[in-house]
Amino acid sequence: MPNLMLQAVYFGAVGIKNTRYAISTMLIADLVGIITSILLCYLFFGNA
């Protein structure tokens, strides 16, 4: 949820009005980053 508040402040500061696809794209990018970090931890550290 803090991520959405940060984007709202950023978009308001720079004057972006149409955020239709931006928010969903940012949330998908966050999800991909989380999944990638989990997979890399399993790759480097194993199932210990």
Protein backbone atom coordinates (compact mmCIF):
# COMPACT_ATOMS: atom_id res chain seq x y z
CA MET A 1 0.00 0.00 0.00
CA PRO A 2 2.80 2.53 0.65
CA ASN A 3 3.85 1.98 -2.95
CA LEU A 4 0.51 3.34 -4.21
CA MET A 5 0.75 6.38 -1.95
CA LEU A 6 4.25 7.11 -3.21
CA GLN A 7 3.10 6.96 -6.83
CA ALA A 8 0.15 9.23 -6.05
CA VAL A 9 2.49 11.83 -4.56
CA TYR A 10 4.94 11.50 -7.46
CA PHE A 11 2.26 11.73 -10.14
CA GLY A 12 0.72 14.74 -8.41
CA ALA A 13 4.08 16.49 -8.17
CA VAL A 14 4.95 16.12 -11.85
CA GLY A 15 1.39 16.67 -13.08
CA ILE A 16 0.59 13.28 -14.61
CA LYS A 17 -3.17 12.99 -14.96
CA ASN A 18 -3.68 9.70 -16.86
CA THR A 19 -2.41 6.87 -14.65
CA ARG A 20 -4.59 4.13 -16.10
CA TYR A 21 -1.81 1.71 -17.03
CA ALA A 22 1.02 3.14 -14.95
CA ILE A 23 -0.17 1.87 -11.56
CA SER A 24 -0.89 -1.67 -12.78
CA THR A 25 2.45 -1.81 -14.61
CA MET A 26 4.30 -0.70 -11.46
CA LEU A 27 2.54 -3.31 -9.34
CA ILE A 28 3.39 -6.05 -11.86
CA ALA A 29 7.03 -4.89 -11.84
CA ASP A 30 7.06 -5.08 -8.03
CA LEU A 31 5.65 -8.61 -8.15
CA VAL A 32 8.24 -9.71 -10.72
CA GLY A 33 11.01 -8.23 -8.54
CA ILE A 34 9.79 -10.07 -5.45
CA ILE A 35 9.50 -13.40 -7.29
CA THR A 36 12.93 -12.94 -8.88
CA SER A 37 14.55 -12.18 -5.52
CA ILE A 38 12.99 -15.29 -3.96
CA LEU A 39 14.20 -17.47 -6.84
CA LEU A 40 17.72 -16.02 -6.65
CA CYS A 41 17.86 -16.67 -2.91
CA TYR A 42 16.94 -20.31 -3.52
CA LEU A 43 19.56 -20.48 -6.30
CA PHE A 44 22.39 -19.05 -4.18
CA PHE A 45 21.54 -20.44 -0.75
CA GLY A 46 19.71 -23.63 -1.60
CA ASN A 47 16.95 -25.15 0.50
CA ALA A 48 18.85 -24.77 3.77
